[in-house]
Protein backbone atom coordinates (compact mmCIF):
# COMPACT_ATOMS: atom_id res chain seq x y z
CA THR A 1 47.45 102.11 60.02
CA LEU A 2 44.27 103.35 61.66
CA GLN A 3 41.81 105.45 59.75
CA GLY A 4 38.42 106.68 60.83
CA GLY A 5 36.48 109.40 62.63
CA SER A 6 37.51 112.98 61.96
CA GLU A 7 41.22 112.31 62.39
CA GLY A 8 43.58 111.39 59.63
CA PRO A 9 45.39 108.05 59.24
CA THR A 10 47.48 106.99 62.21
CA ALA A 11 50.44 104.71 61.67
CA GLY A 12 52.37 102.65 64.19
CA LYS A 13 53.93 99.33 64.98
CA THR A 14 52.14 96.38 66.48
CA PRO A 15 51.13 95.86 69.16
CA LEU A 16 49.42 99.27 68.89
CA THR A 17 47.17 100.84 71.51
CA ARG A 18 45.23 104.03 70.80
CA TRP A 19 42.42 106.06 72.27
CA LEU A 20 39.82 106.36 69.52
CA VAL A 21 36.72 108.47 69.19
CA PRO A 22 33.49 106.54 68.73
CA GLY A 23 32.80 105.54 65.14
CA ILE A 24 33.85 103.07 62.44
CA TRP A 25 37.56 102.55 61.99
CA THR A 26 39.58 100.71 59.35
CA ILE A 27 42.66 98.83 60.44
CA GLU A 28 45.29 97.86 57.91
CA VAL A 29 48.32 95.81 58.91
CA SER A 30 51.19 95.29 56.50
CA ALA A 31 54.79 94.06 56.62
CA GLN A 32 57.46 93.36 54.06
CA GLY A 33 57.17 89.87 52.62
CA TYR A 34 53.61 89.41 53.91
CA ALA A 35 50.17 89.97 52.44
CA PRO A 36 48.43 93.02 53.98
CA GLN A 37 45.27 92.47 56.02
CA THR A 38 42.37 94.89 56.55
CA ALA A 39 39.60 94.88 59.18
CA ARG A 40 36.75 97.24 60.16
CA ILE A 41 35.81 97.80 63.79
CA THR A 42 33.09 99.82 65.47
CA VAL A 43 34.17 101.85 68.51
CA THR A 44 31.58 102.97 71.09
CA ALA A 45 32.01 105.38 74.02
CA GLY A 46 33.67 103.77 77.06
CA ALA A 47 34.21 100.43 75.29
CA HIS A 48 37.47 98.52 75.02
CA VAL A 49 37.95 97.00 71.55
CA GLN A 50 40.67 94.50 70.76
CA GLN A 51 41.39 93.31 67.21
CA ALA A 52 43.87 90.53 66.50
CA MET A 53 45.15 90.18 62.94
CA ARG A 54 47.38 87.50 61.45
CA LEU A 55 49.58 88.10 58.44
CA GLU A 56 50.45 85.34 55.99
CA SER A 57 53.77 85.39 54.19
CA LEU A 58 53.76 85.86 50.43
CA GLU A 59 56.00 82.81 50.07
CA ALA A 60 53.46 80.63 51.90
CA ILE A 61 50.65 82.03 49.78
CA ALA A 62 52.61 81.36 46.58
CA LYS A 63 53.43 77.85 47.76
CA ALA A 64 49.79 77.15 48.61
CA GLU A 65 48.65 78.46 45.23
CA ALA A 66 51.30 76.35 43.47
CA GLU A 67 50.16 73.27 45.39
CA ALA A 68 46.54 74.03 44.50
CA ARG A 69 47.44 74.38 40.82
CA GLU A 70 49.42 71.10 40.99
CA ARG A 71 46.44 69.32 42.60
CA GLU A 72 44.14 70.72 39.93
CA ARG A 73 46.54 69.59 37.19
CA ARG A 74 46.74 66.10 38.64
CA GLU A 75 42.97 65.92 38.96
CA ARG A 76 42.59 66.98 35.32
CA GLU A 77 45.15 64.37 34.25
CA ALA A 78 43.37 61.70 36.30
CA GLU A 79 40.02 62.64 34.76
CA ALA A 80 41.55 62.61 31.29
CA GLU A 81 43.07 59.18 31.95
CA ILE A 82 39.71 57.87 33.19
CA ARG A 83 37.99 59.19 30.06
CA ALA A 84 40.74 57.75 27.85
CA ALA A 85 40.46 54.36 29.55
CA ALA A 86 36.68 54.40 29.14
CA GLU A 87 37.10 55.30 25.46
CA ARG A 88 39.61 52.48 25.00
CA ARG A 89 37.22 50.02 26.62
CA ARG A 90 34.39 51.26 24.43
CA ARG A 91 36.48 50.94 21.28
CA GLU A 92 37.65 47.45 22.27
CA ALA A 93 34.07 46.38 22.94
CA GLU A 94 33.00 47.84 19.60
CA ARG A 95 35.90 46.09 17.86
CA GLN A 96 34.97 42.77 19.43
CA ARG A 97 31.31 43.27 18.51
CA LEU A 98 32.21 44.04 14.89
CA ALA A 99 34.63 41.11 14.81
CA ALA A 100 31.91 38.78 16.08
CA ILE A 101 29.49 40.10 13.47
CA GLU A 102 32.10 39.67 10.74
CA ALA A 103 32.95 36.16 11.94
CA ALA A 104 29.27 35.19 11.91
CA ARG A 105 28.86 36.71 8.45
CA GLN A 106 31.93 34.88 7.15
CA ALA A 107 30.73 31.61 8.65
CA ARG A 108 27.35 32.10 6.96
CA ILE A 109 29.07 32.86 3.65
CA ASP A 110 31.33 29.80 3.98
CA ALA A 111 28.35 27.59 4.75
CA ARG A 112 26.44 28.89 1.73
CA ARG A 113 29.52 28.51 -0.44
CA ASN A 114 29.99 24.91 0.71
CA VAL A 115 26.35 24.21 -0.07
CA ALA A 116 26.81 25.83 -3.49
CA TRP A 117 29.84 23.64 -4.25
CA MET A 118 27.94 20.57 -3.08
CA VAL A 119 25.02 21.46 -5.32
CA LEU A 120 27.41 22.09 -8.21
CA GLY A 121 29.08 18.73 -7.59
CA SER A 122 25.70 17.01 -7.48
CA GLY A 123 24.68 18.74 -10.69
CA ALA A 124 27.92 17.72 -12.36
CA GLY A 125 27.38 14.12 -11.23
CA LEU A 126 23.82 14.11 -12.55
CA THR A 127 24.96 15.61 -15.84
CA ALA A 128 27.72 13.02 -16.14
CA GLY A 129 25.16 10.31 -15.44
CA GLY A 130 22.89 11.74 -18.11
CA VAL A 131 25.75 11.73 -20.61
CA PHE A 132 26.59 8.16 -19.64
CA PHE A 133 22.98 6.98 -20.06
CA GLY A 134 22.84 8.89 -23.33
CA ILE A 135 25.81 6.90 -24.61
CA LEU A 136 24.15 3.69 -23.42
CA ALA A 137 20.92 4.74 -25.09
CA ARG A 138 22.79 5.42 -28.32
CA ASP A 139 24.39 1.97 -28.15
CA ALA A 140 21.00 0.41 -27.51
CA ILE A 141 19.55 2.24 -30.52
CA ASP A 142 22.42 0.97 -32.66
CA ASP A 143 21.76 -2.56 -31.38
CA LEU A 144 18.07 -2.10 -32.20
CA GLU A 145 18.92 -1.06 -35.75
CA ASP A 146 21.07 -4.16 -36.10
CA LEU A 147 18.24 -6.34 -34.84
CA LYS A 148 15.81 -4.88 -37.34
CA GLY A 149 18.05 -5.92 -40.21
CA SER A 150 18.57 -9.47 -38.92
CA PRO A 151 16.19 -12.42 -38.62
CA ARG A 152 15.46 -12.16 -34.89
CA SER A 153 12.30 -12.71 -32.94
CA ARG A 154 9.87 -9.92 -32.28
CA ARG A 155 10.40 -10.33 -28.55
CA ALA A 156 14.11 -9.54 -28.82
CA ILE A 157 13.38 -6.45 -30.87
CA ASP A 158 10.78 -5.25 -28.36
CA ARG A 159 13.16 -5.89 -25.50
CA ALA A 160 15.94 -3.93 -27.25
CA HIS A 161 13.49 -1.11 -27.98
CA ALA A 162 12.42 -0.99 -24.33
CA VAL A 163 16.03 -0.87 -23.18
CA ALA A 164 16.84 1.95 -25.61
CA SER A 165 13.75 3.92 -24.56
CA SER A 166 14.46 3.44 -20.86
CA ARG A 167 18.06 4.57 -21.25
CA ALA A 168 17.01 7.58 -23.33
CA VAL A 169 14.42 8.64 -20.73
CA SER A 170 16.98 8.20 -17.94
CA ALA A 171 19.53 10.26 -19.90
CA ASN A 172 17.02 13.07 -20.48
CA LEU A 173 15.94 13.12 -16.84
CA LEU A 174 19.50 13.07 -15.55
CA LEU A 175 20.63 15.78 -17.99
CA THR A 176 17.66 17.99 -17.11
CA ALA A 177 18.16 17.51 -13.37
CA GLY A 178 21.93 17.93 -13.69
CA LEU A 179 21.78 21.13 -15.68
CA GLY A 180 19.14 22.55 -13.36
CA THR A 181 21.20 21.62 -10.30
CA VAL A 182 24.34 23.13 -11.84
CA ALA A 183 22.42 26.35 -12.54
CA GLY A 184 21.15 26.43 -8.96
CA GLY A 185 24.62 25.80 -7.57
CA ALA A 186 26.09 28.53 -9.77
CA TRP A 187 23.43 30.96 -8.56
CA LEU A 188 24.15 30.08 -4.91
CA LEU A 189 27.88 30.51 -5.51
CA TYR A 190 27.30 33.87 -7.19
CA LYS A 191 25.13 35.08 -4.30
CA SER A 192 27.77 33.99 -1.75
CA MET A 193 30.47 35.81 -3.71
CA GLN A 194 28.25 38.90 -3.84
CA GLU A 195 27.74 38.77 -0.07
CA ASP A 196 31.49 38.33 0.43
CA ALA A 197 32.18 41.59 -1.42
CA PRO A 198 33.11 44.50 0.88
CA PRO A 199 30.06 46.64 1.72
CA LYS A 200 29.84 50.14 0.42
CA ASP A 201 30.68 52.88 2.85
CA PRO A 202 27.38 54.63 3.70
CA ALA A 203 29.30 57.63 4.97
CA GLN A 204 30.83 58.25 1.56
CA PRO A 205 29.11 61.28 0.03
CA PRO A 206 27.37 60.79 -3.29
CA PRO A 207 29.04 62.20 -6.39
CA PRO A 208 28.16 65.81 -7.09
CA ALA A 209 25.24 66.33 -9.37
CA ARG A 210 26.08 67.40 -12.84
CA ALA A 211 24.78 70.88 -13.53
CA GLU A 212 23.05 71.19 -16.88
CA PRO A 213 23.68 74.42 -18.82
CA PRO A 214 20.65 76.67 -18.95
CA MET A 215 18.60 76.53 -22.12
CA PRO A 216 18.69 79.75 -24.15
CA HIS A 217 15.50 81.74 -24.16
CA HIS A 218 14.25 82.89 -27.55
CA THR A 219 12.06 85.95 -27.70
CA MET A 220 9.94 86.59 -30.78
CA CYS A 221 9.05 90.20 -31.57
CA THR A 222 6.34 91.05 -34.09
CA HIS A 223 6.16 94.53 -35.56
CA HIS A 224 2.96 95.68 -37.24
CA THR A 225 3.02 98.56 -39.66
């Protein structure tokens, strides 16, 4: 179809040759099963103008669009897979980091707990030693009482008194050190058990605040007569 100048549209089949008056003309070429094409040409006096136009089938256009959509879909899937793989790597790295932190924390707790049990064992041993020396001191005191009631030399009595005093001092020192060591070991064990407790979730919201009921307002009116 040719349209332009003062004449109306002119239709024909390609190849089409026409004498045209100078001016701007619009050429539209169409065929069944093909996408129409349009072109604008400028015709001058005495000039020969030739315009070649190529039609593309609708089936080819639809196929090209389908292929473009398929390429776009595959590209989106590839990008999504890349992002998913990156997220998996990030989560695995974070999991390993947290596992390493937890392993170090557990090792530290185990070491402190072992130290606590060692201190407790030492304290128990010292306490047992204090009890043992206390029994020996009590036996020495009994022996000293027996010596006082019998005709023995002063030197034997002094020696028995020194033995009883030495054993009593040793018992007191061992009992004091043992009980103090046991207390220290118990404190270390308690702290290690506290550290072993699961940490509180900081993301957990605090409990809602309890709203107090409003206090009633009392208004006093005074009437003067």
